[in-house]
Amino acid sequence: MKFYHVDRLKRLATGQVVECNKEILGLDSLLGYSKVTQHGHFYLREVVPAGTDSNGMSINGALEVFFEAIRLNSFRERPSRFQSLFAYINIDEAIALRENNANNKECPIWEVEAVEYFCADMNLLKFGLNGIDAFSNAHKYWSGDGSKQPLWEYLLVSPITVIGQYKG
């Protein structure tokens, strides 16, 4: 199936096959897998970006780890965000994501193909106002439920083939 990916890291190329090729030693005993995509490596190993709390973990990193813990506990059949490439089925949504974020304006959009994927509402990917909201959002996300205004993202499972850059 064809999807559209906003390449924030500007690392894709036509004909490339995206795999979980970043190995993190010791991760298998913690999460049940050791190979991750660039997204997984970024949040599990590489960076402490701006917006960190007093303990040094980024808010986005904490959110990713929290959602992965909920997935591991209750939704093991769903693909890990740490092992996925994110995309949209609709080019207009990919363009909107790129245009509505100043950091993404120069990012290319690629047409990609994947056989296996999971669809979830990206607008649920937040903690909310309290702990109950956080658990509720995570369970709705992994259940495939939508918010009042869903933005459907697709978690693509490798292998993912890069068809070509969107030129529209």
N, C-alpha and C. Protein backbone atom coordinates (compact mmCIF):
# COMPACT_ATOMS: atom_id res chain seq x y z
N MET A 1 0.85 -1.17 0.00
CA MET A 1 0.00 0.00 0.00
C MET A 1 0.90 1.25 0.00
N LYS A 2 0.45 2.30 -0.66
CA LYS A 2 1.25 3.52 -0.78
C LYS A 2 0.89 4.51 0.32
N PHE A 3 1.94 5.16 0.86
CA PHE A 3 1.81 6.15 1.92
C PHE A 3 2.72 7.34 1.60
N TYR A 4 2.59 8.40 2.42
CA TYR A 4 3.42 9.60 2.29
C TYR A 4 4.11 9.87 3.61
N HIS A 5 5.43 10.00 3.57
CA HIS A 5 6.25 10.21 4.76
C HIS A 5 6.97 11.55 4.69
N VAL A 6 6.84 12.36 5.75
CA VAL A 6 7.58 13.62 5.86
C VAL A 6 8.94 13.27 6.47
N ASP A 7 9.99 13.44 5.69
CA ASP A 7 11.33 13.01 6.08
C ASP A 7 12.04 14.10 6.88
N ARG A 8 11.74 14.17 8.16
CA ARG A 8 12.32 15.20 9.03
C ARG A 8 13.83 15.10 9.14
N LEU A 9 14.35 13.88 9.02
CA LEU A 9 15.79 13.67 9.15
C LEU A 9 16.52 13.79 7.82
N LYS A 10 15.77 13.89 6.75
CA LYS A 10 16.32 14.04 5.40
C LYS A 10 17.35 12.94 5.09
N ARG A 11 16.92 11.70 5.33
CA ARG A 11 17.84 10.57 5.14
C ARG A 11 17.35 9.56 4.11
N LEU A 12 16.19 9.75 3.54
CA LEU A 12 15.66 8.76 2.61
C LEU A 12 16.12 9.04 1.18
N ALA A 13 16.06 7.99 0.36
CA ALA A 13 16.43 8.11 -1.06
C ALA A 13 15.57 7.13 -1.86
N THR A 14 15.33 7.45 -3.10
CA THR A 14 14.56 6.58 -3.98
C THR A 14 15.19 5.20 -4.03
N GLY A 15 14.35 4.17 -3.89
CA GLY A 15 14.82 2.79 -3.95
C GLY A 15 15.29 2.23 -2.62
N GLN A 16 15.48 3.08 -1.64
CA GLN A 16 15.94 2.63 -0.32
C GLN A 16 14.89 1.72 0.32
N VAL A 17 15.35 0.74 1.06
CA VAL A 17 14.48 -0.10 1.86
C VAL A 17 14.76 0.22 3.33
N VAL A 18 13.74 0.71 4.02
CA VAL A 18 13.88 1.10 5.43
C VAL A 18 13.64 -0.14 6.28
N GLU A 19 14.59 -0.42 7.14
CA GLU A 19 14.52 -1.57 8.05
C GLU A 19 14.79 -1.11 9.48
N CYS A 20 14.50 -1.98 10.41
CA CYS A 20 14.93 -1.76 11.80
C CYS A 20 16.38 -2.19 11.85
N ASN A 21 17.30 -1.28 11.64
CA ASN A 21 18.71 -1.66 11.53
C ASN A 21 19.61 -1.03 12.59
N LYS A 22 19.01 -0.34 13.53
CA LYS A 22 19.80 0.23 14.63
C LYS A 22 19.68 -0.72 15.82
N GLU A 23 20.76 -1.36 16.18
CA GLU A 23 20.72 -2.30 17.29
C GLU A 23 21.14 -1.61 18.58
N ILE A 24 20.35 -1.84 19.62
CA ILE A 24 20.68 -1.31 20.94
C ILE A 24 20.91 -2.50 21.86
N LEU A 25 22.16 -2.69 22.25
CA LEU A 25 22.51 -3.83 23.10
C LEU A 25 21.77 -3.75 24.43
N GLY A 26 21.24 -4.88 24.85
CA GLY A 26 20.53 -4.96 26.12
C GLY A 26 19.05 -4.63 26.02
N LEU A 27 18.63 -4.08 24.89
CA LEU A 27 17.22 -3.70 24.74
C LEU A 27 16.31 -4.92 24.70
N ASP A 28 16.80 -6.01 24.11
CA ASP A 28 16.00 -7.22 23.98
C ASP A 28 15.49 -7.71 25.33
N SER A 29 16.33 -7.67 26.34
CA SER A 29 15.90 -8.15 27.66
C SER A 29 14.91 -7.19 28.33
N LEU A 30 14.89 -5.95 27.89
CA LEU A 30 13.96 -4.97 28.47
C LEU A 30 12.63 -4.89 27.72
N LEU A 31 12.70 -4.89 26.39
CA LEU A 31 11.50 -4.65 25.59
C LEU A 31 11.09 -5.82 24.70
N GLY A 32 11.96 -6.82 24.56
CA GLY A 32 11.63 -7.96 23.73
C GLY A 32 12.11 -7.82 22.29
N TYR A 33 12.83 -6.76 21.98
CA TYR A 33 13.43 -6.58 20.66
C TYR A 33 14.68 -5.74 20.84
N SER A 34 15.60 -5.85 19.88
CA SER A 34 16.85 -5.10 20.00
C SER A 34 17.09 -4.15 18.84
N LYS A 35 16.37 -4.32 17.74
CA LYS A 35 16.58 -3.47 16.57
C LYS A 35 15.43 -2.48 16.44
N VAL A 36 15.80 -1.23 16.15
CA VAL A 36 14.83 -0.14 16.07
C VAL A 36 15.11 0.69 14.82
N THR A 37 14.14 1.53 14.47
CA THR A 37 14.33 2.49 13.39
C THR A 37 15.09 3.70 13.94
N GLN A 38 15.35 4.66 13.07
CA GLN A 38 16.01 5.89 13.51
C GLN A 38 15.18 6.59 14.59
N HIS A 39 13.86 6.56 14.45
CA HIS A 39 12.97 7.17 15.46
C HIS A 39 13.20 6.52 16.83
N GLY A 40 13.23 5.20 16.86
CA GLY A 40 13.46 4.50 18.11
C GLY A 40 14.82 4.80 18.70
N HIS A 41 15.83 4.83 17.85
CA HIS A 41 17.18 5.12 18.32
C HIS A 41 17.27 6.53 18.90
N PHE A 42 16.60 7.47 18.24
CA PHE A 42 16.60 8.85 18.70
C PHE A 42 16.05 8.96 20.13
N TYR A 43 14.90 8.34 20.38
CA TYR A 43 14.28 8.48 21.70
C TYR A 43 14.84 7.54 22.75
N LEU A 44 15.44 6.43 22.34
CA LEU A 44 15.98 5.50 23.32
C LEU A 44 17.45 5.73 23.63
N ARG A 45 18.20 6.34 22.71
CA ARG A 45 19.64 6.41 22.90
C ARG A 45 20.31 7.75 22.69
N GLU A 46 19.83 8.56 21.76
CA GLU A 46 20.66 9.64 21.28
C GLU A 46 20.56 10.97 22.00
N VAL A 47 19.39 11.45 22.26
CA VAL A 47 19.23 12.89 22.45
C VAL A 47 18.52 13.24 23.75
N VAL A 48 18.92 14.35 24.31
CA VAL A 48 18.15 15.01 25.36
C VAL A 48 17.88 16.42 24.83
N PRO A 49 16.82 16.57 24.02
CA PRO A 49 16.56 17.86 23.38
C PRO A 49 16.02 18.91 24.34
N ALA A 50 15.88 20.12 23.81
CA ALA A 50 15.29 21.21 24.59
C ALA A 50 13.89 20.80 25.05
N GLY A 51 13.42 21.39 26.14
CA GLY A 51 12.12 21.04 26.68
C GLY A 51 12.21 19.88 27.65
N THR A 52 13.36 19.74 28.29
CA THR A 52 13.53 18.63 29.22
C THR A 52 13.02 19.01 30.60
N ASP A 53 12.67 17.99 31.36
CA ASP A 53 12.24 18.25 32.74
C ASP A 53 13.48 18.27 33.63
N SER A 54 13.28 18.38 34.93
CA SER A 54 14.41 18.51 35.86
C SER A 54 15.27 17.25 35.92
N ASN A 55 14.73 16.13 35.46
CA ASN A 55 15.50 14.88 35.44
C ASN A 55 16.28 14.70 34.15
N GLY A 56 16.12 15.61 33.20
CA GLY A 56 16.90 15.56 31.97
C GLY A 56 16.23 14.84 30.81
N MET A 57 15.05 14.25 31.00
CA MET A 57 14.39 13.56 29.89
C MET A 57 13.46 14.52 29.17
N SER A 58 13.47 14.44 27.86
CA SER A 58 12.57 15.30 27.10
C SER A 58 11.13 14.88 27.31
N ILE A 59 10.22 15.83 27.19
CA ILE A 59 8.80 15.53 27.32
C ILE A 59 8.39 14.56 26.21
N ASN A 60 8.85 14.79 24.98
CA ASN A 60 8.53 13.88 23.89
C ASN A 60 9.09 12.49 24.15
N GLY A 61 10.30 12.43 24.68
CA GLY A 61 10.89 11.14 25.01
C GLY A 61 10.10 10.40 26.07
N ALA A 62 9.68 11.12 27.10
CA ALA A 62 8.87 10.51 28.15
C ALA A 62 7.54 10.01 27.59
N LEU A 63 6.95 10.77 26.70
CA LEU A 63 5.69 10.37 26.07
C LEU A 63 5.89 9.09 25.25
N GLU A 64 6.95 9.04 24.45
CA GLU A 64 7.22 7.85 23.65
C GLU A 64 7.43 6.62 24.54
N VAL A 65 8.18 6.77 25.61
CA VAL A 65 8.43 5.64 26.51
C VAL A 65 7.14 5.21 27.20
N PHE A 66 6.32 6.16 27.62
CA PHE A 66 5.04 5.85 28.26
C PHE A 66 4.14 5.08 27.30
N PHE A 67 4.00 5.57 26.07
CA PHE A 67 3.14 4.88 25.10
C PHE A 67 3.68 3.49 24.78
N GLU A 68 5.01 3.32 24.74
CA GLU A 68 5.58 1.99 24.51
C GLU A 68 5.28 1.07 25.69
N ALA A 69 5.33 1.58 26.91
CA ALA A 69 5.01 0.75 28.08
C ALA A 69 3.56 0.27 28.03
N ILE A 70 2.65 1.15 27.64
CA ILE A 70 1.24 0.75 27.51
C ILE A 70 1.09 -0.29 26.41
N ARG A 71 1.78 -0.10 25.30
CA ARG A 71 1.72 -1.07 24.20
C ARG A 71 2.22 -2.43 24.66
N LEU A 72 3.36 -2.44 25.33
CA LEU A 72 3.93 -3.70 25.79
C LEU A 72 3.02 -4.41 26.80
N ASN A 73 2.34 -3.64 27.62
CA ASN A 73 1.48 -4.22 28.64
C ASN A 73 0.15 -4.72 28.08
N SER A 74 -0.44 -3.99 27.15
CA SER A 74 -1.81 -4.30 26.74
C SER A 74 -2.03 -4.50 25.24
N PHE A 75 -1.06 -4.13 24.41
CA PHE A 75 -1.28 -4.16 22.96
C PHE A 75 -0.06 -4.71 22.22
N ARG A 76 0.46 -5.83 22.68
CA ARG A 76 1.69 -6.38 22.08
C ARG A 76 1.56 -6.69 20.60
N GLU A 77 0.33 -6.89 20.13
CA GLU A 77 0.12 -7.20 18.71
C GLU A 77 0.32 -5.98 17.83
N ARG A 78 0.35 -4.80 18.40
CA ARG A 78 0.56 -3.57 17.63
C ARG A 78 2.05 -3.35 17.42
N PRO A 79 2.42 -2.73 16.31
CA PRO A 79 3.85 -2.46 16.08
C PRO A 79 4.36 -1.37 17.02
N SER A 80 5.58 -1.51 17.47
CA SER A 80 6.20 -0.50 18.32
C SER A 80 6.46 0.77 17.52
N ARG A 81 6.24 1.92 18.14
CA ARG A 81 6.61 3.18 17.51
C ARG A 81 8.12 3.25 17.31
N PHE A 82 8.87 2.56 18.16
CA PHE A 82 10.33 2.54 18.06
C PHE A 82 10.82 1.70 16.89
N GLN A 83 9.93 0.92 16.29
CA GLN A 83 10.29 0.07 15.16
C GLN A 83 9.51 0.46 13.90
N SER A 84 8.94 1.64 13.88
CA SER A 84 8.07 2.06 12.78
C SER A 84 8.59 3.29 12.06
N LEU A 85 8.11 3.45 10.84
CA LEU A 85 8.24 4.68 10.08
C LEU A 85 6.83 5.25 10.02
N PHE A 86 6.67 6.55 10.18
CA PHE A 86 5.35 7.17 10.27
C PHE A 86 4.99 7.81 8.94
N ALA A 87 3.72 7.65 8.58
CA ALA A 87 3.28 8.16 7.28
C ALA A 87 1.79 8.45 7.30
N TYR A 88 1.35 9.03 6.22
CA TYR A 88 -0.07 9.33 6.01
C TYR A 88 -0.52 8.67 4.73
N ILE A 89 -1.79 8.36 4.67
CA ILE A 89 -2.34 7.77 3.45
C ILE A 89 -2.77 8.88 2.48
N ASN A 90 -2.95 10.07 3.02
CA ASN A 90 -3.44 11.21 2.25
C ASN A 90 -2.31 12.24 2.12
N ILE A 91 -1.97 12.61 0.90
CA ILE A 91 -0.88 13.56 0.68
C ILE A 91 -1.17 14.91 1.33
N ASP A 92 -2.43 15.33 1.38
CA ASP A 92 -2.77 16.62 1.98
C ASP A 92 -2.40 16.67 3.46
N GLU A 93 -2.53 15.55 4.16
CA GLU A 93 -2.15 15.50 5.58
C GLU A 93 -0.64 15.60 5.74
N ALA A 94 0.10 14.95 4.86
CA ALA A 94 1.56 15.04 4.91
C ALA A 94 2.02 16.47 4.63
N ILE A 95 1.41 17.10 3.65
CA ILE A 95 1.76 18.50 3.33
C ILE A 95 1.42 19.40 4.51
N ALA A 96 0.26 19.20 5.12
CA ALA A 96 -0.15 20.02 6.27
C ALA A 96 0.83 19.86 7.43
N LEU A 97 1.27 18.63 7.70
CA LEU A 97 2.25 18.41 8.77
C LEU A 97 3.53 19.17 8.49
N ARG A 98 3.97 19.11 7.25
CA ARG A 98 5.21 19.81 6.88
C ARG A 98 5.03 21.33 6.98
N GLU A 99 3.92 21.85 6.49
CA GLU A 99 3.72 23.29 6.43
C GLU A 99 3.38 23.91 7.79
N ASN A 100 2.78 23.15 8.67
CA ASN A 100 2.35 23.70 9.97
C ASN A 100 3.40 23.64 11.05
N ASN A 101 4.59 23.16 10.73
CA ASN A 101 5.68 23.08 11.69
C ASN A 101 6.91 23.72 11.07
N ALA A 102 7.37 24.78 11.67
CA ALA A 102 8.50 25.53 11.11
C ALA A 102 9.73 24.65 10.90
N ASN A 103 9.91 23.64 11.75
CA ASN A 103 11.07 22.76 11.62
C ASN A 103 10.95 21.81 10.43
N ASN A 104 9.76 21.66 9.88
CA ASN A 104 9.53 20.70 8.81
C ASN A 104 9.43 21.32 7.42
N LYS A 105 9.41 22.64 7.31
CA LYS A 105 9.10 23.30 6.04
C LYS A 105 10.00 22.88 4.88
N GLU A 106 11.25 22.56 5.16
CA GLU A 106 12.18 22.17 4.11
C GLU A 106 12.30 20.65 3.95
N CYS A 107 11.50 19.90 4.68
CA CYS A 107 11.59 18.44 4.65
C CYS A 107 10.91 17.88 3.41
N PRO A 108 11.58 16.96 2.74
CA PRO A 108 10.94 16.32 1.59
C PRO A 108 9.84 15.36 2.02
N ILE A 109 8.89 15.16 1.14
CA ILE A 109 7.86 14.16 1.35
C ILE A 109 8.13 13.03 0.37
N TRP A 110 8.15 11.82 0.89
CA TRP A 110 8.43 10.65 0.07
C TRP A 110 7.20 9.76 -0.03
N GLU A 111 7.01 9.20 -1.21
CA GLU A 111 6.04 8.13 -1.40
C GLU A 111 6.74 6.84 -0.98
N VAL A 112 6.10 6.10 -0.10
CA VAL A 112 6.67 4.85 0.39
C VAL A 112 5.63 3.74 0.30
N GLU A 113 6.10 2.52 0.30
CA GLU A 113 5.20 1.36 0.28
C GLU A 113 5.50 0.44 1.45
N ALA A 114 4.43 -0.08 2.04
CA ALA A 114 4.56 -1.07 3.11
C ALA A 114 3.38 -2.01 3.03
N VAL A 115 3.61 -3.22 3.45
CA VAL A 115 2.55 -4.22 3.46
C VAL A 115 1.86 -4.23 4.82
N GLU A 116 2.65 -4.13 5.88
CA GLU A 116 2.11 -4.19 7.23
C GLU A 116 2.13 -2.80 7.87
N TYR A 117 1.02 -2.45 8.52
CA TYR A 117 0.91 -1.13 9.14
C TYR A 117 -0.20 -1.14 10.19
N PHE A 118 -0.18 -0.10 11.01
CA PHE A 118 -1.23 0.12 12.01
C PHE A 118 -1.62 1.59 11.94
N CYS A 119 -2.91 1.86 11.99
CA CYS A 119 -3.43 3.22 11.91
C CYS A 119 -3.86 3.70 13.29
N ALA A 120 -3.40 4.88 13.69
CA ALA A 120 -3.74 5.44 15.00
C ALA A 120 -3.92 6.95 14.88
N ASP A 121 -4.66 7.50 15.81
CA ASP A 121 -4.93 8.94 15.83
C ASP A 121 -3.78 9.68 16.50
N MET A 122 -3.02 10.40 15.70
CA MET A 122 -1.86 11.15 16.20
C MET A 122 -2.25 12.20 17.24
N ASN A 123 -3.49 12.69 17.19
CA ASN A 123 -3.94 13.69 18.15
C ASN A 123 -4.12 13.12 19.55
N LEU A 124 -4.09 11.81 19.70
CA LEU A 124 -4.15 11.18 21.02
C LEU A 124 -2.76 11.04 21.63
N LEU A 125 -1.74 11.31 20.87
CA LEU A 125 -0.36 11.13 21.32
C LEU A 125 0.06 12.31 22.21
N LYS A 126 -0.52 12.32 23.41
CA LYS A 126 -0.23 13.38 24.40
C LYS A 126 -0.61 12.86 25.78
N PHE A 127 -0.04 13.50 26.80
CA PHE A 127 -0.35 13.10 28.17
C PHE A 127 -1.73 13.58 28.61
N GLY A 128 -2.14 14.75 28.19
CA GLY A 128 -3.41 15.31 28.66
C GLY A 128 -3.19 16.10 29.94
N LEU A 129 -4.25 16.33 30.67
CA LEU A 129 -4.18 17.18 31.87
C LEU A 129 -3.82 16.44 33.14
N ASN A 130 -3.95 15.11 33.14
CA ASN A 130 -3.65 14.34 34.35
C ASN A 130 -3.34 12.89 33.97
N GLY A 131 -3.06 12.09 34.98
CA GLY A 131 -2.70 10.69 34.75
C GLY A 131 -3.79 9.89 34.07
N ILE A 132 -5.04 10.12 34.44
CA ILE A 132 -6.15 9.40 33.81
C ILE A 132 -6.20 9.72 32.31
N ASP A 133 -6.03 11.00 31.96
CA ASP A 133 -5.99 11.38 30.54
C ASP A 133 -4.86 10.65 29.81
N ALA A 134 -3.71 10.57 30.44
CA ALA A 134 -2.56 9.92 29.81
C ALA A 134 -2.86 8.45 29.51
N PHE A 135 -3.38 7.74 30.50
CA PHE A 135 -3.72 6.33 30.28
C PHE A 135 -4.83 6.18 29.26
N SER A 136 -5.84 7.03 29.33
CA SER A 136 -6.96 6.98 28.40
C SER A 136 -6.49 7.23 26.97
N ASN A 137 -5.67 8.27 26.78
CA ASN A 137 -5.16 8.58 25.44
C ASN A 137 -4.35 7.42 24.88
N ALA A 138 -3.48 6.85 25.69
CA ALA A 138 -2.64 5.74 25.22
C ALA A 138 -3.49 4.52 24.85
N HIS A 139 -4.47 4.20 25.67
CA HIS A 139 -5.34 3.06 25.36
C HIS A 139 -6.17 3.31 24.10
N LYS A 140 -6.68 4.51 23.94
CA LYS A 140 -7.43 4.84 22.72
C LYS A 140 -6.52 4.77 21.50
N TYR A 141 -5.31 5.31 21.63
CA TYR A 141 -4.35 5.30 20.53
C TYR A 141 -4.10 3.87 20.06
N TRP A 142 -3.72 3.00 21.00
CA TRP A 142 -3.36 1.63 20.65
C TRP A 142 -4.58 0.79 20.27
N SER A 143 -5.78 1.21 20.68
CA SER A 143 -7.01 0.51 20.26
C SER A 143 -7.42 0.90 18.85
N GLY A 144 -6.86 2.00 18.34
CA GLY A 144 -7.22 2.49 17.02
C GLY A 144 -8.45 3.39 17.05
N ASP A 145 -8.83 3.83 18.25
CA ASP A 145 -9.96 4.76 18.38
C ASP A 145 -9.53 6.17 17.97
N GLY A 146 -10.50 6.99 17.64
CA GLY A 146 -10.21 8.36 17.24
C GLY A 146 -10.67 9.37 18.26
N SER A 147 -10.02 10.52 18.25
CA SER A 147 -10.44 11.65 19.08
C SER A 147 -11.58 12.38 18.35
N LYS A 148 -12.00 13.51 18.89
CA LYS A 148 -13.06 14.28 18.24
C LYS A 148 -12.62 14.80 16.88
N GLN A 149 -11.34 15.09 16.75
CA GLN A 149 -10.77 15.54 15.47
C GLN A 149 -9.53 14.69 15.16
N PRO A 150 -9.72 13.48 14.68
CA PRO A 150 -8.57 12.59 14.48
C PRO A 150 -7.64 13.04 13.35
N LEU A 151 -6.37 12.77 13.54
CA LEU A 151 -5.35 12.91 12.51
C LEU A 151 -4.69 11.53 12.42
N TRP A 152 -5.07 10.78 11.41
CA TRP A 152 -4.66 9.38 11.31
C TRP A 152 -3.24 9.27 10.79
N GLU A 153 -2.37 8.70 11.62
CA GLU A 153 -1.01 8.39 11.19
C GLU A 153 -0.91 6.88 11.04
N TYR A 154 -0.03 6.46 10.17
CA TYR A 154 0.19 5.05 9.93
C TYR A 154 1.58 4.67 10.41
N LEU A 155 1.65 3.67 11.28
CA LEU A 155 2.91 3.12 11.73
C LEU A 155 3.27 2.01 10.76
N LEU A 156 4.26 2.25 9.92
CA LEU A 156 4.65 1.29 8.90
C LEU A 156 5.70 0.34 9.47
N VAL A 157 5.49 -0.93 9.19
CA VAL A 157 6.38 -1.98 9.67
C VAL A 157 7.34 -2.35 8.54
N SER A 158 8.62 -2.49 8.87
CA SER A 158 9.61 -2.82 7.85
C SER A 158 9.40 -4.24 7.34
N PRO A 159 9.79 -4.46 6.08
CA PRO A 159 10.51 -3.54 5.20
C PRO A 159 9.57 -2.52 4.55
N ILE A 160 10.07 -1.31 4.41
CA ILE A 160 9.35 -0.20 3.80
C ILE A 160 10.18 0.25 2.60
N THR A 161 9.57 0.33 1.44
CA THR A 161 10.29 0.71 0.23
C THR A 161 9.99 2.16 -0.11
N VAL A 162 11.05 2.94 -0.35
CA VAL A 162 10.91 4.33 -0.76
C VAL A 162 10.74 4.33 -2.27
N ILE A 163 9.55 4.78 -2.73
CA ILE A 163 9.24 4.79 -4.15
C ILE A 163 9.87 5.98 -4.85
N GLY A 164 9.68 7.15 -4.25
CA GLY A 164 10.25 8.37 -4.85
C GLY A 164 9.77 9.59 -4.10
N GLN A 165 10.42 10.71 -4.39
CA GLN A 165 10.05 11.96 -3.72
C GLN A 165 8.80 12.53 -4.33
N TYR A 166 7.89 13.00 -3.49
CA TYR A 166 6.67 13.65 -3.96
C TYR A 166 7.05 15.02 -4.49
N LYS A 167 6.61 15.34 -5.68
CA LYS A 167 7.01 16.61 -6.33
C LYS A 167 5.88 17.60 -6.44
N GLY A 168 4.66 17.21 -6.07
CA GLY A 168 3.48 18.07 -6.21
C GLY A 168 3.55 19.34 -5.59
